Amino acid sequence: MIPMKFVNGLIPVIVQDAKSRDVLMLAYATEQAVNLTRTTGFAHYFSRSRNKIWKKGEESGHFQRVVRILVDCDEDCLIYDVEQTGAACHTGYTSCFFRTLDGAIISERAFDPDKVYKKRERKQ
């Protein structure tokens, strides 16, 4: 296995749809999260705000089955090619990249986050 370079115990993970190649999200993983991803076939990340490993979809049901993992030339960033169930973004959009820098919304919500997350506090 190619070694990975973790900074402060984390490595950034770009997540893209395996078929469309659309970028869905950016997250961070620890070595344990990467190992869980490889072992289970489902994306695991490290939540910096909750300070814990989480499986994508554990609350929403919007899982990411990992088709392959790529490592960049510097070995300090990964790409997860995934088959996404539902939407990737916790705000209800298919991708976390749903707006321009000027604030224009360029896609539609795939689900209502208040219903999926039962109105728990979330970051917009």
PDB file of N, CA and C in Angstrom:
ATOM      1  N   MET A   1       0.838  -1.181   0.000  1.00  0.00           N
ATOM      2  CA  MET A   1       0.000   0.000   0.000  1.00  0.00           C
ATOM      3  C   MET A   1       0.885   1.246   0.000  1.00  0.00           C
ATOM      4  N   ILE A   2       0.496   2.235  -0.772  1.00  0.00           N
ATOM      5  CA  ILE A   2       1.230   3.502  -0.825  1.00  0.00           C
ATOM      6  C   ILE A   2       1.064   4.215   0.511  1.00  0.00           C
ATOM      7  N   PRO A   3       2.140   4.746   1.062  1.00  0.00           N
ATOM      8  CA  PRO A   3       2.009   5.479   2.329  1.00  0.00           C
ATOM      9  C   PRO A   3       1.251   6.786   2.111  1.00  0.00           C
ATOM     10  N   MET A   4       0.540   7.204   3.131  1.00  0.00           N
ATOM     11  CA  MET A   4      -0.195   8.467   3.061  1.00  0.00           C
ATOM     12  C   MET A   4       0.390   9.422   4.078  1.00  0.00           C
ATOM     13  N   LYS A   5       0.376  10.709   3.743  1.00  0.00           N
ATOM     14  CA  LYS A   5       0.904  11.720   4.645  1.00  0.00           C
ATOM     15  C   LYS A   5      -0.260  12.426   5.334  1.00  0.00           C
ATOM     16  N   PHE A   6      -0.385  12.178   6.622  1.00  0.00           N
ATOM     17  CA  PHE A   6      -1.426  12.797   7.432  1.00  0.00           C
ATOM     18  C   PHE A   6      -0.845  14.034   8.099  1.00  0.00           C
ATOM     19  N   VAL A   7      -1.584  15.133   8.085  1.00  0.00           N
ATOM     20  CA  VAL A   7      -1.172  16.358   8.755  1.00  0.00           C
ATOM     21  C   VAL A   7      -2.052  16.502   9.994  1.00  0.00           C
ATOM     22  N   ASN A   8      -1.425  16.567  11.145  1.00  0.00           N
ATOM     23  CA  ASN A   8      -2.161  16.584  12.416  1.00  0.00           C
ATOM     24  C   ASN A   8      -3.140  15.414  12.496  1.00  0.00           C
ATOM     25  N   GLY A   9      -2.747  14.284  11.929  1.00  0.00           N
ATOM     26  CA  GLY A   9      -3.558  13.078  11.989  1.00  0.00           C
ATOM     27  C   GLY A   9      -4.660  12.979  10.946  1.00  0.00           C
ATOM     28  N   LEU A  10      -4.744  13.985  10.050  1.00  0.00           N
ATOM     29  CA  LEU A  10      -5.820  14.022   9.061  1.00  0.00           C
ATOM     30  C   LEU A  10      -5.288  14.085   7.635  1.00  0.00           C
ATOM     31  N   ILE A  11      -6.087  13.560   6.722  1.00  0.00           N
ATOM     32  CA  ILE A  11      -5.798  13.683   5.293  1.00  0.00           C
ATOM     33  C   ILE A  11      -7.088  14.145   4.607  1.00  0.00           C
ATOM     34  N   PRO A  12      -7.006  15.157   3.709  1.00  0.00           N
ATOM     35  CA  PRO A  12      -8.213  15.591   3.006  1.00  0.00           C
ATOM     36  C   PRO A  12      -8.665  14.536   1.996  1.00  0.00           C
ATOM     37  N   VAL A  13      -9.985  14.405   1.873  1.00  0.00           N
ATOM     38  CA  VAL A  13     -10.575  13.451   0.950  1.00  0.00           C
ATOM     39  C   VAL A  13     -11.562  14.191   0.048  1.00  0.00           C
ATOM     40  N   ILE A  14     -11.266  14.203  -1.241  1.00  0.00           N
ATOM     41  CA  ILE A  14     -12.202  14.738  -2.235  1.00  0.00           C
ATOM     42  C   ILE A  14     -13.109  13.581  -2.614  1.00  0.00           C
ATOM     43  N   VAL A  15     -14.410  13.828  -2.618  1.00  0.00           N
ATOM     44  CA  VAL A  15     -15.368  12.769  -2.925  1.00  0.00           C
ATOM     45  C   VAL A  15     -16.050  13.116  -4.237  1.00  0.00           C
ATOM     46  N   GLN A  16     -15.988  12.175  -5.177  1.00  0.00           N
ATOM     47  CA  GLN A  16     -16.631  12.428  -6.469  1.00  0.00           C
ATOM     48  C   GLN A  16     -17.484  11.247  -6.873  1.00  0.00           C
ATOM     49  N   ASP A  17     -18.524  11.558  -7.646  1.00  0.00           N
ATOM     50  CA  ASP A  17     -19.406  10.529  -8.172  1.00  0.00           C
ATOM     51  C   ASP A  17     -18.629   9.698  -9.180  1.00  0.00           C
ATOM     52  N   ALA A  18     -18.651   8.388  -9.005  1.00  0.00           N
ATOM     53  CA  ALA A  18     -17.850   7.492  -9.848  1.00  0.00           C
ATOM     54  C   ALA A  18     -18.281   7.535 -11.309  1.00  0.00           C
ATOM     55  N   LYS A  19     -19.551   7.810 -11.588  1.00  0.00           N
ATOM     56  CA  LYS A  19     -20.025   7.823 -12.974  1.00  0.00           C
ATOM     57  C   LYS A  19     -19.940   9.209 -13.602  1.00  0.00           C
ATOM     58  N   SER A  20     -20.522  10.213 -12.949  1.00  0.00           N
ATOM     59  CA  SER A  20     -20.578  11.555 -13.540  1.00  0.00           C
ATOM     60  C   SER A  20     -19.278  12.327 -13.363  1.00  0.00           C
ATOM     61  N   ARG A  21     -18.460  11.923 -12.380  1.00  0.00           N
ATOM     62  CA  ARG A  21     -17.210  12.591 -12.006  1.00  0.00           C
ATOM     63  C   ARG A  21     -17.462  13.933 -11.321  1.00  0.00           C
ATOM     64  N   ASP A  22     -18.716  14.247 -10.976  1.00  0.00           N
ATOM     65  CA  ASP A  22     -19.016  15.476 -10.239  1.00  0.00           C
ATOM     66  C   ASP A  22     -18.394  15.405  -8.847  1.00  0.00           C
ATOM     67  N   VAL A  23     -17.843  16.521  -8.389  1.00  0.00           N
ATOM     68  CA  VAL A  23     -17.314  16.593  -7.035  1.00  0.00           C
ATOM     69  C   VAL A  23     -18.500  16.750  -6.089  1.00  0.00           C
ATOM     70  N   LEU A  24     -18.592  15.867  -5.118  1.00  0.00           N
ATOM     71  CA  LEU A  24     -19.718  15.873  -4.187  1.00  0.00           C
ATOM     72  C   LEU A  24     -19.396  16.577  -2.881  1.00  0.00           C
ATOM     73  N   MET A  25     -18.190  16.394  -2.378  1.00  0.00           N
ATOM     74  CA  MET A  25     -17.851  16.990  -1.093  1.00  0.00           C
ATOM     75  C   MET A  25     -16.351  16.890  -0.835  1.00  0.00           C
ATOM     76  N   LEU A  26     -15.914  17.576   0.196  1.00  0.00           N
ATOM     77  CA  LEU A  26     -14.562  17.471   0.715  1.00  0.00           C
ATOM     78  C   LEU A  26     -14.696  17.146   2.195  1.00  0.00           C
ATOM     79  N   ALA A  27     -13.959  16.166   2.642  1.00  0.00           N
ATOM     80  CA  ALA A  27     -13.989  15.783   4.053  1.00  0.00           C
ATOM     81  C   ALA A  27     -12.565  15.435   4.471  1.00  0.00           C
ATOM     82  N   TYR A  28     -12.414  15.068   5.727  1.00  0.00           N
ATOM     83  CA  TYR A  28     -11.115  14.674   6.252  1.00  0.00           C
ATOM     84  C   TYR A  28     -11.223  13.270   6.843  1.00  0.00           C
ATOM     85  N   ALA A  29     -10.128  12.546   6.794  1.00  0.00           N
ATOM     86  CA  ALA A  29     -10.109  11.199   7.349  1.00  0.00           C
ATOM     87  C   ALA A  29      -8.848  11.006   8.180  1.00  0.00           C
ATOM     88  N   THR A  30      -8.984  10.176   9.180  1.00  0.00           N
ATOM     89  CA  THR A  30      -7.834   9.703   9.943  1.00  0.00           C
ATOM     90  C   THR A  30      -7.404   8.379   9.312  1.00  0.00           C
ATOM     91  N   GLU A  31      -6.269   7.859   9.759  1.00  0.00           N
ATOM     92  CA  GLU A  31      -5.831   6.560   9.243  1.00  0.00           C
ATOM     93  C   GLU A  31      -6.877   5.486   9.564  1.00  0.00           C
ATOM     94  N   GLN A  32      -7.468   5.555  10.746  1.00  0.00           N
ATOM     95  CA  GLN A  32      -8.505   4.591  11.133  1.00  0.00           C
ATOM     96  C   GLN A  32      -9.722   4.704  10.218  1.00  0.00           C
ATOM     97  N   ALA A  33     -10.126   5.921   9.873  1.00  0.00           N
ATOM     98  CA  ALA A  33     -11.277   6.112   8.982  1.00  0.00           C
ATOM     99  C   ALA A  33     -10.992   5.553   7.587  1.00  0.00           C
ATOM    100  N   VAL A  34      -9.787   5.771   7.087  1.00  0.00           N
ATOM    101  CA  VAL A  34      -9.398   5.213   5.781  1.00  0.00           C
ATOM    102  C   VAL A  34      -9.434   3.690   5.840  1.00  0.00           C
ATOM    103  N   ASN A  35      -8.918   3.122   6.917  1.00  0.00           N
ATOM    104  CA  ASN A  35      -8.925   1.662   7.061  1.00  0.00           C
ATOM    105  C   ASN A  35     -10.344   1.110   7.140  1.00  0.00           C
ATOM    106  N   LEU A  36     -11.235   1.804   7.847  1.00  0.00           N
ATOM    107  CA  LEU A  36     -12.638   1.386   7.902  1.00  0.00           C
ATOM    108  C   LEU A  36     -13.279   1.446   6.519  1.00  0.00           C
ATOM    109  N   THR A  37     -12.954   2.494   5.768  1.00  0.00           N
ATOM    110  CA  THR A  37     -13.464   2.631   4.404  1.00  0.00           C
ATOM    111  C   THR A  37     -13.007   1.452   3.553  1.00  0.00           C
ATOM    112  N   ARG A  38     -11.737   1.130   3.628  1.00  0.00           N
ATOM    113  CA  ARG A  38     -11.196   0.019   2.840  1.00  0.00           C
ATOM    114  C   ARG A  38     -11.800  -1.323   3.267  1.00  0.00           C
ATOM    115  N   THR A  39     -12.004  -1.492   4.544  1.00  0.00           N
ATOM    116  CA  THR A  39     -12.525  -2.754   5.077  1.00  0.00           C
ATOM    117  C   THR A  39     -14.007  -2.960   4.758  1.00  0.00           C
ATOM    118  N   THR A  40     -14.805  -1.901   4.933  1.00  0.00           N
ATOM    119  CA  THR A  40     -16.265  -2.020   4.783  1.00  0.00           C
ATOM    120  C   THR A  40     -16.762  -1.726   3.377  1.00  0.00           C
ATOM    121  N   GLY A  41     -15.984  -0.935   2.612  1.00  0.00           N
ATOM    122  CA  GLY A  41     -16.440  -0.515   1.293  1.00  0.00           C
ATOM    123  C   GLY A  41     -17.349   0.706   1.322  1.00  0.00           C
ATOM    124  N   PHE A  42     -17.564   1.267   2.513  1.00  0.00           N
ATOM    125  CA  PHE A  42     -18.379   2.467   2.662  1.00  0.00           C
ATOM    126  C   PHE A  42     -17.535   3.589   3.257  1.00  0.00           C
ATOM    127  N   ALA A  43     -17.790   4.819   2.812  1.00  0.00           N
ATOM    128  CA  ALA A  43     -16.975   5.968   3.205  1.00  0.00           C
ATOM    129  C   ALA A  43     -17.102   6.275   4.694  1.00  0.00           C
ATOM    130  N   HIS A  44     -15.948   6.424   5.324  1.00  0.00           N
ATOM    131  CA  HIS A  44     -15.835   6.853   6.710  1.00  0.00           C
ATOM    132  C   HIS A  44     -14.927   8.078   6.743  1.00  0.00           C
ATOM    133  N   TYR A  45     -15.263   9.017   7.613  1.00  0.00           N
ATOM    134  CA  TYR A  45     -14.510  10.261   7.717  1.00  0.00           C
ATOM    135  C   TYR A  45     -14.293  10.597   9.183  1.00  0.00           C
ATOM    136  N   PHE A  46     -13.535  11.670   9.414  1.00  0.00           N
ATOM    137  CA  PHE A  46     -13.355  12.167  10.773  1.00  0.00           C
ATOM    138  C   PHE A  46     -14.046  13.514  10.865  1.00  0.00           C
ATOM    139  N   SER A  47     -14.975  13.641  11.785  1.00  0.00           N
ATOM    140  CA  SER A  47     -15.662  14.904  12.015  1.00  0.00           C
ATOM    141  C   SER A  47     -14.822  15.769  12.937  1.00  0.00           C
ATOM    142  N   ARG A  48     -14.359  16.885  12.422  1.00  0.00           N
ATOM    143  CA  ARG A  48     -13.566  17.793  13.246  1.00  0.00           C
ATOM    144  C   ARG A  48     -14.437  18.485  14.282  1.00  0.00           C
ATOM    145  N   SER A  49     -15.709  18.736  13.965  1.00  0.00           N
ATOM    146  CA  SER A  49     -16.583  19.420  14.922  1.00  0.00           C
ATOM    147  C   SER A  49     -17.053  18.489  16.039  1.00  0.00           C
ATOM    148  N   ARG A  50     -17.242  17.212  15.725  1.00  0.00           N
ATOM    149  CA  ARG A  50     -17.691  16.238  16.739  1.00  0.00           C
ATOM    150  C   ARG A  50     -16.529  15.422  17.308  1.00  0.00           C
ATOM    151  N   ASN A  51     -15.348  15.584  16.703  1.00  0.00           N
ATOM    152  CA  ASN A  51     -14.130  14.900  17.145  1.00  0.00           C
ATOM    153  C   ASN A  51     -14.313  13.378  17.190  1.00  0.00           C
ATOM    154  N   LYS A  52     -14.878  12.840  16.096  1.00  0.00           N
ATOM    155  CA  LYS A  52     -15.074  11.393  16.036  1.00  0.00           C
ATOM    156  C   LYS A  52     -15.173  10.920  14.592  1.00  0.00           C
ATOM    157  N   ILE A  53     -14.951   9.639  14.402  1.00  0.00           N
ATOM    158  CA  ILE A  53     -15.116   9.017  13.086  1.00  0.00           C
ATOM    159  C   ILE A  53     -16.596   8.803  12.837  1.00  0.00           C
ATOM    160  N   TRP A  54     -17.014   9.019  11.609  1.00  0.00           N
ATOM    161  CA  TRP A  54     -18.413   8.789  11.247  1.00  0.00           C
ATOM    162  C   TRP A  54     -18.506   8.125   9.888  1.00  0.00           C
ATOM    163  N   LYS A  55     -19.516   7.306   9.746  1.00  0.00           N
ATOM    164  CA  LYS A  55     -19.813   6.652   8.470  1.00  0.00           C
ATOM    165  C   LYS A  55     -20.817   7.531   7.732  1.00  0.00           C
ATOM    166  N   LYS A  56     -20.468   7.938   6.529  1.00  0.00           N
ATOM    167  CA  LYS A  56     -21.379   8.776   5.737  1.00  0.00           C
ATOM    168  C   LYS A  56     -22.694   8.033   5.554  1.00  0.00           C
ATOM    169  N   GLY A  57     -23.769   8.686   5.936  1.00  0.00           N
ATOM    170  CA  GLY A  57     -25.098   8.100   5.791  1.00  0.00           C
ATOM    171  C   GLY A  57     -25.650   7.484   7.052  1.00  0.00           C
ATOM    172  N   GLU A  58     -24.853   7.461   8.135  1.00  0.00           N
ATOM    173  CA  GLU A  58     -25.321   6.815   9.364  1.00  0.00           C
ATOM    174  C   GLU A  58     -26.559   7.498   9.942  1.00  0.00           C
ATOM    175  N   GLU A  59     -26.724   8.796   9.714  1.00  0.00           N
ATOM    176  CA  GLU A  59     -27.929   9.502  10.173  1.00  0.00           C
ATOM    177  C   GLU A  59     -28.954   9.663   9.053  1.00  0.00           C
ATOM    178  N   SER A  60     -28.480   9.997   7.867  1.00  0.00           N
ATOM    179  CA  SER A  60     -29.383  10.339   6.759  1.00  0.00           C
ATOM    180  C   SER A  60     -29.830   9.150   5.931  1.00  0.00           C
ATOM    181  N   GLY A  61     -29.045   8.083   5.947  1.00  0.00           N
ATOM    182  CA  GLY A  61     -29.316   6.964   5.049  1.00  0.00           C
ATOM    183  C   GLY A  61     -28.730   7.179   3.662  1.00  0.00           C
ATOM    184  N   HIS A  62     -28.009   8.279   3.477  1.00  0.00           N
ATOM    185  CA  HIS A  62     -27.407   8.623   2.185  1.00  0.00           C
ATOM    186  C   HIS A  62     -25.952   8.150   2.177  1.00  0.00           C
ATOM    187  N   PHE A  63     -25.775   6.867   1.981  1.00  0.00           N
ATOM    188  CA  PHE A  63     -24.462   6.227   2.059  1.00  0.00           C
ATOM    189  C   PHE A  63     -23.628   6.451   0.805  1.00  0.00           C
ATOM    190  N   GLN A  64     -22.329   6.255   0.959  1.00  0.00           N
ATOM    191  CA  GLN A  64     -21.386   6.318  -0.157  1.00  0.00           C
ATOM    192  C   GLN A  64     -20.648   4.990  -0.235  1.00  0.00           C
ATOM    193  N   ARG A  65     -20.947   4.215  -1.284  1.00  0.00           N
ATOM    194  CA  ARG A  65     -20.188   2.988  -1.517  1.00  0.00           C
ATOM    195  C   ARG A  65     -18.949   3.372  -2.309  1.00  0.00           C
ATOM    196  N   VAL A  66     -17.789   3.054  -1.786  1.00  0.00           N
ATOM    197  CA  VAL A  66     -16.529   3.469  -2.398  1.00  0.00           C
ATOM    198  C   VAL A  66     -16.126   2.467  -3.472  1.00  0.00           C
ATOM    199  N   VAL A  67     -15.984   2.976  -4.700  1.00  0.00           N
ATOM    200  CA  VAL A  67     -15.602   2.153  -5.839  1.00  0.00           C
ATOM    201  C   VAL A  67     -14.080   2.012  -5.908  1.00  0.00           C
ATOM    202  N   ARG A  68     -13.382   3.123  -5.664  1.00  0.00           N
ATOM    203  CA  ARG A  68     -11.916   3.085  -5.616  1.00  0.00           C
ATOM    204  C   ARG A  68     -11.416   4.303  -4.863  1.00  0.00           C
ATOM    205  N   ILE A  69     -10.178   4.177  -4.391  1.00  0.00           N
ATOM    206  CA  ILE A  69      -9.522   5.269  -3.684  1.00  0.00           C
ATOM    207  C   ILE A  69      -8.253   5.616  -4.450  1.00  0.00           C
ATOM    208  N   LEU A  70      -8.109   6.890  -4.757  1.00  0.00           N
ATOM    209  CA  LEU A  70      -6.919   7.386  -5.439  1.00  0.00           C
ATOM    210  C   LEU A  70      -6.112   8.242  -4.463  1.00  0.00           C
ATOM    211  N   VAL A  71      -4.805   8.221  -4.615  1.00  0.00           N
ATOM    212  CA  VAL A  71      -3.923   9.062  -3.816  1.00  0.00           C
ATOM    213  C   VAL A  71      -3.158   9.977  -4.768  1.00  0.00           C
ATOM    214  N   ASP A  72      -2.970  11.227  -4.363  1.00  0.00           N
ATOM    215  CA  ASP A  72      -2.269  12.171  -5.249  1.00  0.00           C
ATOM    216  C   ASP A  72      -0.765  11.940  -5.216  1.00  0.00           C
ATOM    217  N   CYS A  73      -0.058  12.650  -6.091  1.00  0.00           N
ATOM    218  CA  CYS A  73       1.383  12.452  -6.280  1.00  0.00           C
ATOM    219  C   CYS A  73       2.197  12.759  -5.026  1.00  0.00           C
ATOM    220  N   ASP A  74       1.708  13.647  -4.168  1.00  0.00           N
ATOM    221  CA  ASP A  74       2.414  13.987  -2.930  1.00  0.00           C
ATOM    222  C   ASP A  74       2.008  13.088  -1.758  1.00  0.00           C
ATOM    223  N   GLU A  75       1.034  12.222  -2.006  1.00  0.00           N
ATOM    224  CA  GLU A  75       0.527  11.273  -1.002  1.00  0.00           C
ATOM    225  C   GLU A  75      -0.092  11.966   0.200  1.00  0.00           C
ATOM    226  N   ASP A  76      -0.634  13.195  -0.035  1.00  0.00           N
ATOM    227  CA  ASP A  76      -1.238  13.940   1.069  1.00  0.00           C
ATOM    228  C   ASP A  76      -2.697  14.317   0.824  1.00  0.00           C
ATOM    229  N   CYS A  77      -3.324  13.662  -0.137  1.00  0.00           N
ATOM    230  CA  CYS A  77      -4.740  13.902  -0.439  1.00  0.00           C
ATOM    231  C   CYS A  77      -5.297  12.663  -1.135  1.00  0.00           C
ATOM    232  N   LEU A  78      -6.553  12.344  -0.829  1.00  0.00           N
ATOM    233  CA  LEU A  78      -7.201  11.191  -1.439  1.00  0.00           C
ATOM    234  C   LEU A  78      -8.428  11.617  -2.235  1.00  0.00           C
ATOM    235  N   ILE A  79      -8.800  10.792  -3.180  1.00  0.00           N
ATOM    236  CA  ILE A  79     -10.096  10.907  -3.857  1.00  0.00           C
ATOM    237  C   ILE A  79     -10.833   9.606  -3.618  1.00  0.00           C
ATOM    238  N   TYR A  80     -12.061   9.716  -3.132  1.00  0.00           N
ATOM    239  CA  TYR A  80     -12.948   8.564  -3.065  1.00  0.00           C
ATOM    240  C   TYR A  80     -13.894   8.671  -4.245  1.00  0.00           C
ATOM    241  N   ASP A  81     -13.840   7.710  -5.160  1.00  0.00           N
ATOM    242  CA  ASP A  81     -14.854   7.578  -6.203  1.00  0.00           C
ATOM    243  C   ASP A  81     -15.985   6.775  -5.583  1.00  0.00           C
ATOM    244  N   VAL A  82     -17.188   7.341  -5.564  1.00  0.00           N
ATOM    245  CA  VAL A  82     -18.283   6.702  -4.838  1.00  0.00           C
ATOM    246  C   VAL A  82     -19.539   6.539  -5.688  1.00  0.00           C
ATOM    247  N   GLU A  83     -20.344   5.591  -5.267  1.00  0.00           N
ATOM    248  CA  GLU A  83     -21.725   5.486  -5.720  1.00  0.00           C
ATOM    249  C   GLU A  83     -22.552   6.052  -4.584  1.00  0.00           C
ATOM    250  N   GLN A  84     -23.120   7.224  -4.821  1.00  0.00           N
ATOM    251  CA  GLN A  84     -23.836   7.970  -3.787  1.00  0.00           C
ATOM    252  C   GLN A  84     -25.292   7.545  -3.732  1.00  0.00           C
ATOM    253  N   THR A  85     -25.774   7.216  -2.540  1.00  0.00           N
ATOM    254  CA  THR A  85     -27.197   7.004  -2.303  1.00  0.00           C
ATOM    255  C   THR A  85     -27.763   8.326  -1.822  1.00  0.00           C
ATOM    256  N   GLY A  86     -28.798   8.830  -2.472  1.00  0.00           N
ATOM    257  CA  GLY A  86     -29.365  10.109  -2.067  1.00  0.00           C
ATOM    258  C   GLY A  86     -28.411  11.245  -2.364  1.00  0.00           C
ATOM    259  N   ALA A  87     -28.341  12.195  -1.442  1.00  0.00           N
ATOM    260  CA  ALA A  87     -27.520  13.388  -1.630  1.00  0.00           C
ATOM    261  C   ALA A  87     -26.306  13.351  -0.708  1.00  0.00           C
ATOM    262  N   ALA A  88     -25.239  14.008  -1.125  1.00  0.00           N
ATOM    263  CA  ALA A  88     -24.007  14.029  -0.329  1.00  0.00           C
ATOM    264  C   ALA A  88     -24.023  15.120   0.745  1.00  0.00           C
ATOM    265  N   CYS A  89     -24.686  16.233   0.479  1.00  0.00           N
ATOM    266  CA  CYS A  89     -24.605  17.394   1.362  1.00  0.00           C
ATOM    267  C   CYS A  89     -25.658  17.338   2.470  1.00  0.00           C
ATOM    268  N   HIS A  90     -25.237  17.651   3.693  1.00  0.00           N
ATOM    269  CA  HIS A  90     -26.160  17.648   4.831  1.00  0.00           C
ATOM    270  C   HIS A  90     -27.214  18.747   4.740  1.00  0.00           C
ATOM    271  N   THR A  91     -27.019  19.706   3.835  1.00  0.00           N
ATOM    272  CA  THR A  91     -28.019  20.764   3.658  1.00  0.00           C
ATOM    273  C   THR A  91     -29.115  20.362   2.679  1.00  0.00           C
ATOM    274  N   GLY A  92     -28.993  19.137   2.123  1.00  0.00           N
ATOM    275  CA  GLY A  92     -30.036  18.618   1.243  1.00  0.00           C
ATOM    276  C   GLY A  92     -29.705  18.648  -0.233  1.00  0.00           C
ATOM    277  N   TYR A  93     -28.582  19.215  -0.596  1.00  0.00           N
ATOM    278  CA  TYR A  93     -28.191  19.283  -2.000  1.00  0.00           C
ATOM    279  C   TYR A  93     -27.399  18.041  -2.398  1.00  0.00           C
ATOM    280  N   THR A  94     -27.437  17.707  -3.674  1.00  0.00           N
ATOM    281  CA  THR A  94     -26.717  16.544  -4.177  1.00  0.00           C
ATOM    282  C   THR A  94     -25.229  16.666  -3.904  1.00  0.00           C
ATOM    283  N   SER A  95     -24.685  17.862  -4.107  1.00  0.00           N
ATOM    284  CA  SER A  95     -23.273  18.147  -3.882  1.00  0.00           C
ATOM    285  C   SER A  95     -23.150  19.271  -2.862  1.00  0.00           C
ATOM    286  N   CYS A  96     -22.078  19.283  -2.102  1.00  0.00           N
ATOM    287  CA  CYS A  96     -21.815  20.397  -1.191  1.00  0.00           C
ATOM    288  C   CYS A  96     -21.474  21.677  -1.959  1.00  0.00           C
ATOM    289  N   PHE A  97     -21.172  21.535  -3.231  1.00  0.00           N
ATOM    290  CA  PHE A  97     -20.810  22.675  -4.080  1.00  0.00           C
ATOM    291  C   PHE A  97     -22.022  23.098  -4.901  1.00  0.00           C
ATOM    292  N   PHE A  98     -23.026  23.650  -4.216  1.00  0.00           N
ATOM    293  CA  PHE A  98     -24.307  23.983  -4.838  1.00  0.00           C
ATOM    294  C   PHE A  98     -24.499  25.470  -5.073  1.00  0.00           C
ATOM    295  N   ARG A  99     -23.487  26.289  -4.749  1.00  0.00           N
ATOM    296  CA  ARG A  99     -23.611  27.738  -4.928  1.00  0.00           C
ATOM    297  C   ARG A  99     -22.293  28.351  -5.377  1.00  0.00           C
ATOM    298  N   THR A 100     -22.422  29.495  -6.040  1.00  0.00           N
ATOM    299  CA  THR A 100     -21.239  30.212  -6.502  1.00  0.00           C
ATOM    300  C   THR A 100     -20.688  31.068  -5.365  1.00  0.00           C
ATOM    301  N   LEU A 101     -19.517  31.618  -5.565  1.00  0.00           N
ATOM    302  CA  LEU A 101     -18.909  32.488  -4.571  1.00  0.00           C
ATOM    303  C   LEU A 101     -19.770  33.723  -4.318  1.00  0.00           C
ATOM    304  N   ASP A 102     -20.561  34.133  -5.316  1.00  0.00           N
ATOM    305  CA  ASP A 102     -21.466  35.280  -5.170  1.00  0.00           C
ATOM    306  C   ASP A 102     -22.758  34.906  -4.457  1.00  0.00           C
ATOM    307  N   GLY A 103     -22.943  33.611  -4.159  1.00  0.00           N
ATOM    308  CA  GLY A 103     -24.121  33.182  -3.413  1.00  0.00           C
ATOM    309  C   GLY A 103     -25.271  32.651  -4.256  1.00  0.00           C
ATOM    310  N   ALA A 104     -25.084  32.595  -5.572  1.00  0.00           N
ATOM    311  CA  ALA A 104     -26.149  32.076  -6.437  1.00  0.00           C
ATOM    312  C   ALA A 104     -26.263  30.561  -6.270  1.00  0.00           C
ATOM    313  N   ILE A 105     -27.476  30.080  -6.011  1.00  0.00           N
ATOM    314  CA  ILE A 105     -27.739  28.648  -5.884  1.00  0.00           C
ATOM    315  C   ILE A 105     -27.830  28.069  -7.290  1.00  0.00           C
ATOM    316  N   ILE A 106     -27.036  27.033  -7.575  1.00  0.00           N
ATOM    317  CA  ILE A 106     -26.984  26.484  -8.934  1.00  0.00           C
ATOM    318  C   ILE A 106     -27.580  25.083  -9.032  1.00  0.00           C
ATOM    319  N   SER A 107     -28.221  24.624  -7.944  1.00  0.00           N
ATOM    320  CA  SER A 107     -28.879  23.327  -8.009  1.00  0.00           C
ATOM    321  C   SER A 107     -30.097  23.337  -7.092  1.00  0.00           C
ATOM    322  N   GLU A 108     -30.850  22.256  -7.108  1.00  0.00           N
ATOM    323  CA  GLU A 108     -32.037  22.167  -6.267  1.00  0.00           C
ATOM    324  C   GLU A 108     -31.784  21.174  -5.136  1.00  0.00           C
ATOM    325  N   ARG A 109     -32.491  21.377  -4.059  1.00  0.00           N
ATOM    326  CA  ARG A 109     -32.376  20.448  -2.930  1.00  0.00           C
ATOM    327  C   ARG A 109     -32.959  19.095  -3.289  1.00  0.00           C
ATOM    328  N   ALA A 110     -32.274  18.057  -2.866  1.00  0.00           N
ATOM    329  CA  ALA A 110     -32.731  16.690  -3.091  1.00  0.00           C
ATOM    330  C   ALA A 110     -33.587  16.193  -1.935  1.00  0.00           C
ATOM    331  N   PHE A 111     -33.402  16.799  -0.743  1.00  0.00           N
ATOM    332  CA  PHE A 111     -34.209  16.412   0.416  1.00  0.00           C
ATOM    333  C   PHE A 111     -34.266  17.566   1.410  1.00  0.00           C
ATOM    334  N   ASP A 112     -35.220  17.493   2.328  1.00  0.00           N
ATOM    335  CA  ASP A 112     -35.400  18.494   3.370  1.00  0.00           C
ATOM    336  C   ASP A 112     -34.574  18.074   4.585  1.00  0.00           C
ATOM    337  N   PRO A 113     -33.509  18.804   4.908  1.00  0.00           N
ATOM    338  CA  PRO A 113     -32.643  18.401   6.011  1.00  0.00           C
ATOM    339  C   PRO A 113     -33.345  18.414   7.375  1.00  0.00           C
ATOM    340  N   ASP A 114     -34.323  19.274   7.561  1.00  0.00           N
ATOM    341  CA  ASP A 114     -35.034  19.305   8.841  1.00  0.00           C
ATOM    342  C   ASP A 114     -35.775  17.997   9.093  1.00  0.00           C
ATOM    343  N   LYS A 115     -36.303  17.406   8.034  1.00  0.00           N
ATOM    344  CA  LYS A 115     -37.007  16.134   8.186  1.00  0.00           C
ATOM    345  C   LYS A 115     -36.018  14.980   8.374  1.00  0.00           C
ATOM    346  N   VAL A 116     -34.945  14.993   7.615  1.00  0.00           N
ATOM    347  CA  VAL A 116     -33.963  13.902   7.679  1.00  0.00           C
ATOM    348  C   VAL A 116     -33.204  13.903   8.997  1.00  0.00           C
ATOM    349  N   TYR A 117     -32.814  15.084   9.454  1.00  0.00           N
ATOM    350  CA  TYR A 117     -32.024  15.176  10.677  1.00  0.00           C
ATOM    351  C   TYR A 117     -32.853  15.562  11.891  1.00  0.00           C
ATOM    352  N   LYS A 118     -34.160  15.574  11.733  1.00  0.00           N
ATOM    353  CA  LYS A 118     -35.093  15.853  12.839  1.00  0.00           C
ATOM    354  C   LYS A 118     -34.748  17.142  13.568  1.00  0.00           C
ATOM    355  N   LYS A 119     -34.463  18.161  12.761  1.00  0.00           N
ATOM    356  CA  LYS A 119     -34.210  19.526  13.249  1.00  0.00           C
ATOM    357  C   LYS A 119     -33.042  19.634  14.225  1.00  0.00           C
ATOM    358  N   ARG A 120     -32.074  18.704  14.132  1.00  0.00           N
ATOM    359  CA  ARG A 120     -30.876  18.861  14.972  1.00  0.00           C
ATOM    360  C   ARG A 120     -30.106  20.068  14.471  1.00  0.00           C
ATOM    361  N   GLU A 121     -29.312  20.653  15.326  1.00  0.00           N
ATOM    362  CA  GLU A 121     -28.529  21.826  14.937  1.00  0.00           C
ATOM    363  C   GLU A 121     -27.498  21.420  13.912  1.00  0.00           C
ATOM    364  N   ARG A 122     -27.432  22.160  12.806  1.00  0.00           N
ATOM    365  CA  ARG A 122     -26.454  21.856  11.759  1.00  0.00           C
ATOM    366  C   ARG A 122     -25.905  23.163  11.193  1.00  0.00           C
ATOM    367  N   LYS A 123     -24.730  23.067  10.638  1.00  0.00           N
ATOM    368  CA  LYS A 123     -24.101  24.225  10.021  1.00  0.00           C
ATOM    369  C   LYS A 123     -24.619  24.383   8.600  1.00  0.00           C
ATOM    370  N   GLN A 124     -24.876  25.598   8.198  1.00  0.00           N
ATOM    371  CA  GLN A 124     -25.267  25.875   6.813  1.00  0.00           C
ATOM    372  C   GLN A 124     -24.031  26.186   6.067  1.00  0.00           C
TER     373      GLN A 124
END
